[in-house]
Protein backbone atom coordinates (compact mmCIF):
# COMPACT_ATOMS: atom_id res chain seq x y z
CA UNK A 1 128.93 93.61 70.37
CA UNK A 2 128.99 94.42 66.66
CA UNK A 3 129.71 90.77 65.87
CA UNK A 4 126.71 89.69 67.95
CA UNK A 5 124.43 92.19 66.16
CA UNK A 6 125.70 90.93 62.80
CA UNK A 7 124.98 87.34 63.84
CA UNK A 8 121.43 88.27 64.92
CA UNK A 9 120.88 90.09 61.61
CA UNK A 10 122.15 87.06 59.64
CA UNK A 11 119.87 84.66 61.54
CA UNK A 12 116.86 86.97 61.29
CA UNK A 13 117.48 87.34 57.56
CA UNK A 14 117.58 83.54 57.17
CA UNK A 15 114.33 83.09 59.10
CA UNK A 16 112.45 85.76 57.17
CA UNK A 17 113.73 84.57 53.77
CA UNK A 18 112.80 81.05 54.85
CA UNK A 19 109.22 82.25 55.20
CA UNK A 20 109.40 83.49 51.62
CA UNK A 21 109.71 87.18 52.44
CA UNK A 22 111.85 89.19 50.05
CA UNK A 23 114.23 91.87 51.44
CA UNK A 24 112.81 95.37 51.10
CA UNK A 25 109.16 94.28 51.17
CA UNK A 26 106.77 95.24 53.96
CA UNK A 27 106.35 91.61 55.05
CA UNK A 28 110.14 91.18 55.26
CA UNK A 29 110.48 94.31 57.40
CA UNK A 30 107.63 93.17 59.65
CA UNK A 31 109.27 89.77 59.98
CA UNK A 32 112.61 91.30 60.96
CA UNK A 33 110.89 93.54 63.52
CA UNK A 34 109.05 90.51 64.93
CA UNK A 35 112.32 88.56 65.22
CA UNK A 36 113.99 91.44 67.09
CA UNK A 37 110.99 91.86 69.42
CA UNK A 38 110.84 88.13 70.16
CA UNK A 39 114.56 88.17 71.03
CA UNK A 40 114.12 91.25 73.26
CA UNK A 41 111.12 89.67 75.00
CA UNK A 42 113.10 86.48 75.66
CA UNK A 43 116.04 88.49 77.02
CA UNK A 44 113.73 90.51 79.28
CA UNK A 45 111.99 87.37 80.56
CA UNK A 46 115.36 85.81 81.35
CA UNK A 47 116.58 88.89 83.21
CA UNK A 48 113.33 89.12 85.19
CA UNK A 49 113.73 85.49 86.30
CA UNK A 50 117.21 86.04 87.73
CA UNK A 51 117.54 86.67 91.48
CA UNK A 52 118.88 89.99 92.65
CA UNK A 53 121.80 89.49 94.99
CA UNK A 54 122.67 92.22 97.46
CA UNK A 55 125.78 91.88 99.59
CA UNK A 56 125.34 93.89 102.78
CA UNK A 57 128.05 92.11 104.70
CA UNK A 58 130.98 94.14 103.39
CA UNK A 59 133.42 95.54 105.94
CA UNK A 60 133.47 99.08 104.60
CA UNK A 61 130.68 101.58 105.00
CA UNK A 62 128.85 102.66 101.84
CA UNK A 63 129.41 106.19 100.63
CA UNK A 64 125.67 106.85 100.68
CA UNK A 65 123.42 106.60 103.72
CA UNK A 66 121.34 103.44 104.12
CA UNK A 67 117.74 103.39 103.01
CA UNK A 68 115.14 103.98 105.68
CA UNK A 69 111.69 102.39 105.61
CA UNK A 70 108.84 104.63 104.56
CA UNK A 71 106.21 105.08 107.26
CA UNK A 72 102.68 104.14 106.29
CA UNK A 73 100.44 107.17 105.80
CA UNK A 74 97.74 107.94 108.32
CA UNK A 75 94.29 107.61 106.79
CA UNK A 76 91.43 109.62 108.25
CA UNK A 77 87.74 109.77 107.53
CA UNK A 78 85.47 112.57 108.71
CA UNK A 79 81.72 112.17 109.10
CA UNK A 80 79.09 114.80 109.74
CA UNK A 81 77.12 113.65 112.80
CA UNK A 82 74.67 116.53 112.76
CA UNK A 83 74.20 119.72 114.77
CA UNK A 84 77.35 121.15 113.14
CA UNK A 85 79.54 118.39 114.63
CA UNK A 86 82.08 116.30 112.70
CA UNK A 87 83.78 113.14 113.97
CA UNK A 88 87.12 112.19 112.47
CA UNK A 89 88.51 108.65 112.71
CA UNK A 90 92.11 107.88 111.83
CA UNK A 91 94.02 104.63 111.50
């Protein structure tokens, strides 16, 4: 992991110096931050594009209970129909 971080730092340094930014300057720091953000965004986009595989066919029972579907809430609307009466409709 440390070797990978060092490689990213070396490449980012090359890119930013290639733009003419000098280490220690604000523009160099902004460039390095942009390079790291672009790499993180690309990693996140890649991970989001990967399918999630769930294997529920195993022979052993899981140690936690299975998930149960959540029932849809009942929605009601009450309307004053006059003479002190209220009608409530639910779906």
